């Protein structure tokens, strides 16, 4: 992968991305650690929100973005695609 990827390339690569599920307990330190570990290994991951927490997904997305320093590439329905370039 090149150093700078276009949004289109990131979305194409997200088709096989690892998923992290956010359930009724929402976001906690363990979930953030798991997201960081997956981003370190994969660069691109999907975060799926269950219907029970979908009403607060925007708040959760902002929290994930702030704590992981990852970029939100796309949000469709209850799934957000995150990207963080490997160093």
PDB file of N, CA and C in Angstrom:
ATOM      1  N   UNK A   1       0.834  -1.184   0.000  1.00  0.00           N
ATOM      2  CA  UNK A   1       0.000   0.000   0.000  1.00  0.00           C
ATOM      3  C   UNK A   1       0.875   1.243   0.000  1.00  0.00           C
ATOM      4  N   UNK A   2       0.422   2.232  -0.702  1.00  0.00           N
ATOM      5  CA  UNK A   2       1.173   3.475  -0.734  1.00  0.00           C
ATOM      6  C   UNK A   2       0.970   4.242   0.564  1.00  0.00           C
ATOM      7  N   UNK A   3       1.801   5.253   0.769  1.00  0.00           N
ATOM      8  CA  UNK A   3       1.714   6.046   1.994  1.00  0.00           C
ATOM      9  C   UNK A   3       0.397   6.795   2.088  1.00  0.00           C
ATOM     10  N   UNK A   4      -0.074   7.283   0.954  1.00  0.00           N
ATOM     11  CA  UNK A   4      -1.321   8.045   0.952  1.00  0.00           C
ATOM     12  C   UNK A   4      -2.339   7.277   0.113  1.00  0.00           C
ATOM     13  N   UNK A   5      -3.419   6.878   0.766  1.00  0.00           N
ATOM     14  CA  UNK A   5      -4.456   6.145   0.055  1.00  0.00           C
ATOM     15  C   UNK A   5      -5.664   7.047  -0.147  1.00  0.00           C
ATOM     16  N   UNK A   6      -6.293   6.876  -1.269  1.00  0.00           N
ATOM     17  CA  UNK A   6      -7.512   7.636  -1.505  1.00  0.00           C
ATOM     18  C   UNK A   6      -8.663   6.976  -0.747  1.00  0.00           C
ATOM     19  N   UNK A   7      -9.724   7.737  -0.561  1.00  0.00           N
ATOM     20  CA  UNK A   7     -10.895   7.212   0.138  1.00  0.00           C
ATOM     21  C   UNK A   7     -11.450   5.996  -0.602  1.00  0.00           C
ATOM     22  N   UNK A   8     -11.388   6.039  -1.929  1.00  0.00           N
ATOM     23  CA  UNK A   8     -11.891   4.941  -2.753  1.00  0.00           C
ATOM     24  C   UNK A   8     -11.087   3.658  -2.500  1.00  0.00           C
ATOM     25  N   UNK A   9      -9.776   3.778  -2.417  1.00  0.00           N
ATOM     26  CA  UNK A   9      -8.931   2.611  -2.142  1.00  0.00           C
ATOM     27  C   UNK A   9      -9.202   2.055  -0.751  1.00  0.00           C
ATOM     28  N   UNK A  10      -9.382   2.945   0.205  1.00  0.00           N
ATOM     29  CA  UNK A  10      -9.664   2.509   1.577  1.00  0.00           C
ATOM     30  C   UNK A  10     -10.982   1.749   1.612  1.00  0.00           C
ATOM     31  N   UNK A  11     -12.005   2.257   0.938  1.00  0.00           N
ATOM     32  CA  UNK A  11     -13.298   1.586   0.930  1.00  0.00           C
ATOM     33  C   UNK A  11     -13.212   0.231   0.229  1.00  0.00           C
ATOM     34  N   UNK A  12     -12.428   0.146  -0.828  1.00  0.00           N
ATOM     35  CA  UNK A  12     -12.245  -1.131  -1.518  1.00  0.00           C
ATOM     36  C   UNK A  12     -11.578  -2.136  -0.587  1.00  0.00           C
ATOM     37  N   UNK A  13     -10.582  -1.678   0.169  1.00  0.00           N
ATOM     38  CA  UNK A  13      -9.884  -2.559   1.097  1.00  0.00           C
ATOM     39  C   UNK A  13     -10.731  -2.920   2.317  1.00  0.00           C
ATOM     40  N   UNK A  14     -11.743  -2.128   2.600  1.00  0.00           N
ATOM     41  CA  UNK A  14     -12.571  -2.385   3.773  1.00  0.00           C
ATOM     42  C   UNK A  14     -13.529  -3.550   3.570  1.00  0.00           C
ATOM     43  N   UNK A  15     -13.665  -4.042   2.358  1.00  0.00           N
ATOM     44  CA  UNK A  15     -14.574  -5.152   2.107  1.00  0.00           C
ATOM     45  C   UNK A  15     -14.198  -6.386   2.926  1.00  0.00           C
ATOM     46  N   UNK A  16     -12.920  -6.569   3.179  1.00  0.00           N
ATOM     47  CA  UNK A  16     -12.454  -7.721   3.950  1.00  0.00           C
ATOM     48  C   UNK A  16     -11.969  -7.321   5.334  1.00  0.00           C
ATOM     49  N   UNK A  17     -12.388  -6.180   5.816  1.00  0.00           N
ATOM     50  CA  UNK A  17     -11.881  -5.650   7.082  1.00  0.00           C
ATOM     51  C   UNK A  17     -12.416  -6.431   8.280  1.00  0.00           C
ATOM     52  N   UNK A  18     -11.623  -6.416   9.338  1.00  0.00           N
ATOM     53  CA  UNK A  18     -12.003  -7.011  10.616  1.00  0.00           C
ATOM     54  C   UNK A  18     -13.133  -6.176  11.217  1.00  0.00           C
ATOM     55  N   UNK A  19     -14.055  -6.832  11.907  1.00  0.00           N
ATOM     56  CA  UNK A  19     -15.150  -6.117  12.546  1.00  0.00           C
ATOM     57  C   UNK A  19     -15.026  -6.183  14.053  1.00  0.00           C
ATOM     58  N   UNK A  20     -15.328  -5.062  14.689  1.00  0.00           N
ATOM     59  CA  UNK A  20     -15.433  -4.987  16.140  1.00  0.00           C
ATOM     60  C   UNK A  20     -16.882  -4.611  16.432  1.00  0.00           C
ATOM     61  N   UNK A  21     -17.535  -5.411  17.265  1.00  0.00           N
ATOM     62  CA  UNK A  21     -18.945  -5.170  17.573  1.00  0.00           C
ATOM     63  C   UNK A  21     -19.090  -4.392  18.878  1.00  0.00           C
ATOM     64  N   UNK A  22     -19.960  -3.398  18.853  1.00  0.00           N
ATOM     65  CA  UNK A  22     -20.277  -2.615  20.039  1.00  0.00           C
ATOM     66  C   UNK A  22     -21.684  -3.007  20.472  1.00  0.00           C
ATOM     67  N   UNK A  23     -21.795  -3.578  21.654  1.00  0.00           N
ATOM     68  CA  UNK A  23     -23.074  -4.079  22.140  1.00  0.00           C
ATOM     69  C   UNK A  23     -23.724  -3.165  23.146  1.00  0.00           C
ATOM     70  N   UNK A  24     -24.618  -3.741  23.935  1.00  0.00           N
ATOM     71  CA  UNK A  24     -25.435  -2.949  24.856  1.00  0.00           C
ATOM     72  C   UNK A  24     -24.628  -2.255  25.943  1.00  0.00           C
ATOM     73  N   UNK A  25     -23.406  -2.726  26.217  1.00  0.00           N
ATOM     74  CA  UNK A  25     -22.569  -2.077  27.230  1.00  0.00           C
ATOM     75  C   UNK A  25     -21.842  -0.853  26.697  1.00  0.00           C
ATOM     76  N   UNK A  26     -21.898  -0.632  25.391  1.00  0.00           N
ATOM     77  CA  UNK A  26     -21.297   0.558  24.795  1.00  0.00           C
ATOM     78  C   UNK A  26     -19.778   0.505  24.746  1.00  0.00           C
ATOM     79  N   UNK A  27     -19.160   1.668  24.885  1.00  0.00           N
ATOM     80  CA  UNK A  27     -17.708   1.811  24.787  1.00  0.00           C
ATOM     81  C   UNK A  27     -17.112   1.793  26.183  1.00  0.00           C
ATOM     82  N   UNK A  28     -16.071   0.971  26.359  1.00  0.00           N
ATOM     83  CA  UNK A  28     -15.295   0.991  27.597  1.00  0.00           C
ATOM     84  C   UNK A  28     -13.824   0.835  27.231  1.00  0.00           C
ATOM     85  N   UNK A  29     -12.958   0.800  28.231  1.00  0.00           N
ATOM     86  CA  UNK A  29     -11.513   0.727  27.971  1.00  0.00           C
ATOM     87  C   UNK A  29     -11.122  -0.526  27.190  1.00  0.00           C
ATOM     88  N   UNK A  30     -11.773  -1.640  27.466  1.00  0.00           N
ATOM     89  CA  UNK A  30     -11.450  -2.887  26.760  1.00  0.00           C
ATOM     90  C   UNK A  30     -11.788  -2.798  25.274  1.00  0.00           C
ATOM     91  N   UNK A  31     -12.896  -2.169  24.962  1.00  0.00           N
ATOM     92  CA  UNK A  31     -13.293  -2.005  23.562  1.00  0.00           C
ATOM     93  C   UNK A  31     -12.304  -1.089  22.844  1.00  0.00           C
ATOM     94  N   UNK A  32     -11.920  -0.005  23.475  1.00  0.00           N
ATOM     95  CA  UNK A  32     -10.937   0.916  22.885  1.00  0.00           C
ATOM     96  C   UNK A  32      -9.607   0.203  22.656  1.00  0.00           C
ATOM     97  N   UNK A  33      -9.156  -0.594  23.616  1.00  0.00           N
ATOM     98  CA  UNK A  33      -7.906  -1.345  23.467  1.00  0.00           C
ATOM     99  C   UNK A  33      -7.993  -2.322  22.298  1.00  0.00           C
ATOM    100  N   UNK A  34      -9.131  -2.995  22.162  1.00  0.00           N
ATOM    101  CA  UNK A  34      -9.315  -3.934  21.057  1.00  0.00           C
ATOM    102  C   UNK A  34      -9.292  -3.205  19.715  1.00  0.00           C
ATOM    103  N   UNK A  35      -9.950  -2.074  19.631  1.00  0.00           N
ATOM    104  CA  UNK A  35      -9.952  -1.287  18.393  1.00  0.00           C
ATOM    105  C   UNK A  35      -8.535  -0.837  18.054  1.00  0.00           C
ATOM    106  N   UNK A  36      -7.782  -0.365  19.051  1.00  0.00           N
ATOM    107  CA  UNK A  36      -6.400   0.061  18.817  1.00  0.00           C
ATOM    108  C   UNK A  36      -5.539  -1.104  18.351  1.00  0.00           C
ATOM    109  N   UNK A  37      -5.726  -2.272  18.957  1.00  0.00           N
ATOM    110  CA  UNK A  37      -4.932  -3.441  18.564  1.00  0.00           C
ATOM    111  C   UNK A  37      -5.261  -3.859  17.131  1.00  0.00           C
ATOM    112  N   UNK A  38      -6.533  -3.854  16.781  1.00  0.00           N
ATOM    113  CA  UNK A  38      -6.923  -4.223  15.422  1.00  0.00           C
ATOM    114  C   UNK A  38      -6.426  -3.201  14.398  1.00  0.00           C
ATOM    115  N   UNK A  39      -6.470  -1.917  14.735  1.00  0.00           N
ATOM    116  CA  UNK A  39      -5.955  -0.888  13.824  1.00  0.00           C
ATOM    117  C   UNK A  39      -4.451  -1.020  13.632  1.00  0.00           C
ATOM    118  N   UNK A  40      -3.754  -1.400  14.677  1.00  0.00           N
ATOM    119  CA  UNK A  40      -2.306  -1.581  14.579  1.00  0.00           C
ATOM    120  C   UNK A  40      -1.970  -2.723  13.619  1.00  0.00           C
ATOM    121  N   UNK A  41      -2.784  -3.765  13.649  1.00  0.00           N
ATOM    122  CA  UNK A  41      -2.536  -4.928  12.798  1.00  0.00           C
ATOM    123  C   UNK A  41      -3.075  -4.759  11.376  1.00  0.00           C
ATOM    124  N   UNK A  42      -4.180  -4.042  11.215  1.00  0.00           N
ATOM    125  CA  UNK A  42      -4.903  -4.073   9.946  1.00  0.00           C
ATOM    126  C   UNK A  42      -5.082  -2.752   9.215  1.00  0.00           C
ATOM    127  N   UNK A  43      -4.825  -1.622   9.823  1.00  0.00           N
ATOM    128  CA  UNK A  43      -5.034  -0.292   9.248  1.00  0.00           C
ATOM    129  C   UNK A  43      -6.504   0.071   9.059  1.00  0.00           C
ATOM    130  N   UNK A  44      -7.326  -0.865   8.593  1.00  0.00           N
ATOM    131  CA  UNK A  44      -8.735  -0.595   8.322  1.00  0.00           C
ATOM    132  C   UNK A  44      -9.578  -1.595   9.094  1.00  0.00           C
ATOM    133  N   UNK A  45     -10.553  -1.094   9.851  1.00  0.00           N
ATOM    134  CA  UNK A  45     -11.491  -1.989  10.538  1.00  0.00           C
ATOM    135  C   UNK A  45     -12.902  -1.422  10.430  1.00  0.00           C
ATOM    136  N   UNK A  46     -13.860  -2.282  10.678  1.00  0.00           N
ATOM    137  CA  UNK A  46     -15.256  -1.855  10.733  1.00  0.00           C
ATOM    138  C   UNK A  46     -15.722  -1.964  12.177  1.00  0.00           C
ATOM    139  N   UNK A  47     -16.489  -0.992  12.602  1.00  0.00           N
ATOM    140  CA  UNK A  47     -17.093  -1.018  13.928  1.00  0.00           C
ATOM    141  C   UNK A  47     -18.600  -1.101  13.709  1.00  0.00           C
ATOM    142  N   UNK A  48     -19.173  -2.187  14.205  1.00  0.00           N
ATOM    143  CA  UNK A  48     -20.610  -2.426  14.028  1.00  0.00           C
ATOM    144  C   UNK A  48     -21.324  -2.179  15.354  1.00  0.00           C
ATOM    145  N   UNK A  49     -22.372  -1.361  15.299  1.00  0.00           N
ATOM    146  CA  UNK A  49     -23.173  -1.033  16.472  1.00  0.00           C
ATOM    147  C   UNK A  49     -24.463  -1.843  16.443  1.00  0.00           C
ATOM    148  N   UNK A  50     -24.820  -2.465  17.566  1.00  0.00           N
ATOM    149  CA  UNK A  50     -26.082  -3.195  17.632  1.00  0.00           C
ATOM    150  C   UNK A  50     -27.236  -2.202  17.651  1.00  0.00           C
ATOM    151  N   UNK A  51     -28.417  -2.696  17.384  1.00  0.00           N
ATOM    152  CA  UNK A  51     -29.594  -1.819  17.346  1.00  0.00           C
ATOM    153  C   UNK A  51     -29.848  -1.143  18.690  1.00  0.00           C
ATOM    154  N   UNK A  52     -29.465  -1.816  19.777  1.00  0.00           N
ATOM    155  CA  UNK A  52     -29.740  -1.268  21.108  1.00  0.00           C
ATOM    156  C   UNK A  52     -28.920  -0.022  21.415  1.00  0.00           C
ATOM    157  N   UNK A  53     -27.784   0.166  20.738  1.00  0.00           N
ATOM    158  CA  UNK A  53     -26.946   1.350  20.983  1.00  0.00           C
ATOM    159  C   UNK A  53     -26.848   2.251  19.755  1.00  0.00           C
ATOM    160  N   UNK A  54     -27.586   1.925  18.715  1.00  0.00           N
ATOM    161  CA  UNK A  54     -27.497   2.689  17.468  1.00  0.00           C
ATOM    162  C   UNK A  54     -27.895   4.152  17.651  1.00  0.00           C
ATOM    163  N   UNK A  55     -28.766   4.435  18.611  1.00  0.00           N
ATOM    164  CA  UNK A  55     -29.197   5.817  18.842  1.00  0.00           C
ATOM    165  C   UNK A  55     -28.040   6.692  19.309  1.00  0.00           C
ATOM    166  N   UNK A  56     -27.004   6.109  19.907  1.00  0.00           N
ATOM    167  CA  UNK A  56     -25.865   6.874  20.431  1.00  0.00           C
ATOM    168  C   UNK A  56     -24.600   6.662  19.615  1.00  0.00           C
ATOM    169  N   UNK A  57     -24.724   6.118  18.414  1.00  0.00           N
ATOM    170  CA  UNK A  57     -23.523   5.784  17.641  1.00  0.00           C
ATOM    171  C   UNK A  57     -22.673   7.001  17.293  1.00  0.00           C
ATOM    172  N   UNK A  58     -23.295   8.153  17.059  1.00  0.00           N
ATOM    173  CA  UNK A  58     -22.521   9.353  16.732  1.00  0.00           C
ATOM    174  C   UNK A  58     -21.601   9.751  17.890  1.00  0.00           C
ATOM    175  N   UNK A  59     -22.108   9.660  19.096  1.00  0.00           N
ATOM    176  CA  UNK A  59     -21.291   9.956  20.284  1.00  0.00           C
ATOM    177  C   UNK A  59     -20.171   8.931  20.432  1.00  0.00           C
ATOM    178  N   UNK A  60     -20.505   7.653  20.202  1.00  0.00           N
ATOM    179  CA  UNK A  60     -19.497   6.598  20.301  1.00  0.00           C
ATOM    180  C   UNK A  60     -18.412   6.779  19.243  1.00  0.00           C
ATOM    181  N   UNK A  61     -18.813   7.155  18.042  1.00  0.00           N
ATOM    182  CA  UNK A  61     -17.850   7.356  16.960  1.00  0.00           C
ATOM    183  C   UNK A  61     -16.887   8.488  17.309  1.00  0.00           C
ATOM    184  N   UNK A  62     -17.416   9.582  17.844  1.00  0.00           N
ATOM    185  CA  UNK A  62     -16.548  10.696  18.254  1.00  0.00           C
ATOM    186  C   UNK A  62     -15.570  10.261  19.337  1.00  0.00           C
ATOM    187  N   UNK A  63     -16.044   9.469  20.290  1.00  0.00           N
ATOM    188  CA  UNK A  63     -15.184   8.983  21.369  1.00  0.00           C
ATOM    189  C   UNK A  63     -14.097   8.052  20.828  1.00  0.00           C
ATOM    190  N   UNK A  64     -14.464   7.161  19.937  1.00  0.00           N
ATOM    191  CA  UNK A  64     -13.486   6.243  19.337  1.00  0.00           C
ATOM    192  C   UNK A  64     -12.444   7.027  18.561  1.00  0.00           C
ATOM    193  N   UNK A  65     -12.903   7.999  17.776  1.00  0.00           N
ATOM    194  CA  UNK A  65     -11.992   8.831  16.981  1.00  0.00           C
ATOM    195  C   UNK A  65     -10.994   9.561  17.869  1.00  0.00           C
ATOM    196  N   UNK A  66     -11.474  10.125  18.951  1.00  0.00           N
ATOM    197  CA  UNK A  66     -10.614  10.893  19.850  1.00  0.00           C
ATOM    198  C   UNK A  66      -9.606  10.003  20.578  1.00  0.00           C
ATOM    199  N   UNK A  67     -10.036   8.844  21.020  1.00  0.00           N
ATOM    200  CA  UNK A  67      -9.165   7.982  21.814  1.00  0.00           C
ATOM    201  C   UNK A  67      -8.196   7.150  20.986  1.00  0.00           C
ATOM    202  N   UNK A  68      -8.526   6.860  19.739  1.00  0.00           N
ATOM    203  CA  UNK A  68      -7.657   6.020  18.915  1.00  0.00           C
ATOM    204  C   UNK A  68      -6.856   6.816  17.895  1.00  0.00           C
ATOM    205  N   UNK A  69      -7.200   8.081  17.691  1.00  0.00           N
ATOM    206  CA  UNK A  69      -6.555   8.936  16.682  1.00  0.00           C
ATOM    207  C   UNK A  69      -6.729   8.363  15.272  1.00  0.00           C
ATOM    208  N   UNK A  70      -7.830   7.646  15.053  1.00  0.00           N
ATOM    209  CA  UNK A  70      -8.138   7.074  13.744  1.00  0.00           C
ATOM    210  C   UNK A  70      -9.104   7.986  13.009  1.00  0.00           C
ATOM    211  N   UNK A  71      -9.169   7.815  11.698  1.00  0.00           N
ATOM    212  CA  UNK A  71     -10.078   8.589  10.866  1.00  0.00           C
ATOM    213  C   UNK A  71     -11.318   7.762  10.586  1.00  0.00           C
ATOM    214  N   UNK A  72     -12.472   8.392  10.660  1.00  0.00           N
ATOM    215  CA  UNK A  72     -13.702   7.750  10.220  1.00  0.00           C
ATOM    216  C   UNK A  72     -13.797   7.982   8.725  1.00  0.00           C
ATOM    217  N   UNK A  73     -13.762   6.907   7.967  1.00  0.00           N
ATOM    218  CA  UNK A  73     -13.797   7.016   6.513  1.00  0.00           C
ATOM    219  C   UNK A  73     -15.230   7.034   6.011  1.00  0.00           C
ATOM    220  N   UNK A  74     -16.085   6.222   6.620  1.00  0.00           N
ATOM    221  CA  UNK A  74     -17.453   6.120   6.143  1.00  0.00           C
ATOM    222  C   UNK A  74     -18.342   5.578   7.255  1.00  0.00           C
ATOM    223  N   UNK A  75     -19.578   5.993   7.251  1.00  0.00           N
ATOM    224  CA  UNK A  75     -20.592   5.446   8.160  1.00  0.00           C
ATOM    225  C   UNK A  75     -21.804   5.113   7.310  1.00  0.00           C
ATOM    226  N   UNK A  76     -22.200   3.857   7.346  1.00  0.00           N
ATOM    227  CA  UNK A  76     -23.390   3.412   6.616  1.00  0.00           C
ATOM    228  C   UNK A  76     -24.225   2.568   7.548  1.00  0.00           C
ATOM    229  N   UNK A  77     -25.420   3.042   7.808  1.00  0.00           N
ATOM    230  CA  UNK A  77     -26.285   2.331   8.739  1.00  0.00           C
ATOM    231  C   UNK A  77     -25.645   2.295  10.122  1.00  0.00           C
ATOM    232  N   UNK A  78     -25.459   1.110  10.644  1.00  0.00           N
ATOM    233  CA  UNK A  78     -24.861   0.943  11.969  1.00  0.00           C
ATOM    234  C   UNK A  78     -23.416   0.471  11.900  1.00  0.00           C
ATOM    235  N   UNK A  79     -22.750   0.742  10.777  1.00  0.00           N
ATOM    236  CA  UNK A  79     -21.361   0.322  10.598  1.00  0.00           C
ATOM    237  C   UNK A  79     -20.502   1.536  10.246  1.00  0.00           C
ATOM    238  N   UNK A  80     -19.392   1.684  10.988  1.00  0.00           N
ATOM    239  CA  UNK A  80     -18.432   2.756  10.707  1.00  0.00           C
ATOM    240  C   UNK A  80     -17.120   2.117  10.262  1.00  0.00           C
ATOM    241  N   UNK A  81     -16.470   2.709   9.273  1.00  0.00           N
ATOM    242  CA  UNK A  81     -15.176   2.226   8.785  1.00  0.00           C
ATOM    243  C   UNK A  81     -14.116   3.179   9.313  1.00  0.00           C
ATOM    244  N   UNK A  82     -13.113   2.619  10.020  1.00  0.00           N
ATOM    245  CA  UNK A  82     -12.026   3.409  10.582  1.00  0.00           C
ATOM    246  C   UNK A  82     -10.719   3.082   9.872  1.00  0.00           C
ATOM    247  N   UNK A  83      -9.885   4.108   9.730  1.00  0.00           N
ATOM    248  CA  UNK A  83      -8.580   3.951   9.070  1.00  0.00           C
ATOM    249  C   UNK A  83      -7.527   4.643   9.909  1.00  0.00           C
ATOM    250  N   UNK A  84      -6.429   3.939  10.116  1.00  0.00           N
ATOM    251  CA  UNK A  84      -5.265   4.530  10.769  1.00  0.00           C
ATOM    252  C   UNK A  84      -4.026   3.951  10.111  1.00  0.00           C
ATOM    253  N   UNK A  85      -3.239   4.833   9.496  1.00  0.00           N
ATOM    254  CA  UNK A  85      -2.061   4.403   8.754  1.00  0.00           C
ATOM    255  C   UNK A  85      -1.032   3.765   9.670  1.00  0.00           C
ATOM    256  N   UNK A  86      -0.444   2.653   9.210  1.00  0.00           N
ATOM    257  CA  UNK A  86       0.632   2.006   9.958  1.00  0.00           C
ATOM    258  C   UNK A  86       1.876   2.860   9.857  1.00  0.00           C
ATOM    259  N   UNK A  87       2.676   2.781  10.880  1.00  0.00           N
ATOM    260  CA  UNK A  87       3.933   3.542  10.852  1.00  0.00           C
ATOM    261  C   UNK A  87       5.082   2.668  10.477  1.00  0.00           C
TER     262      UNK A  87
END
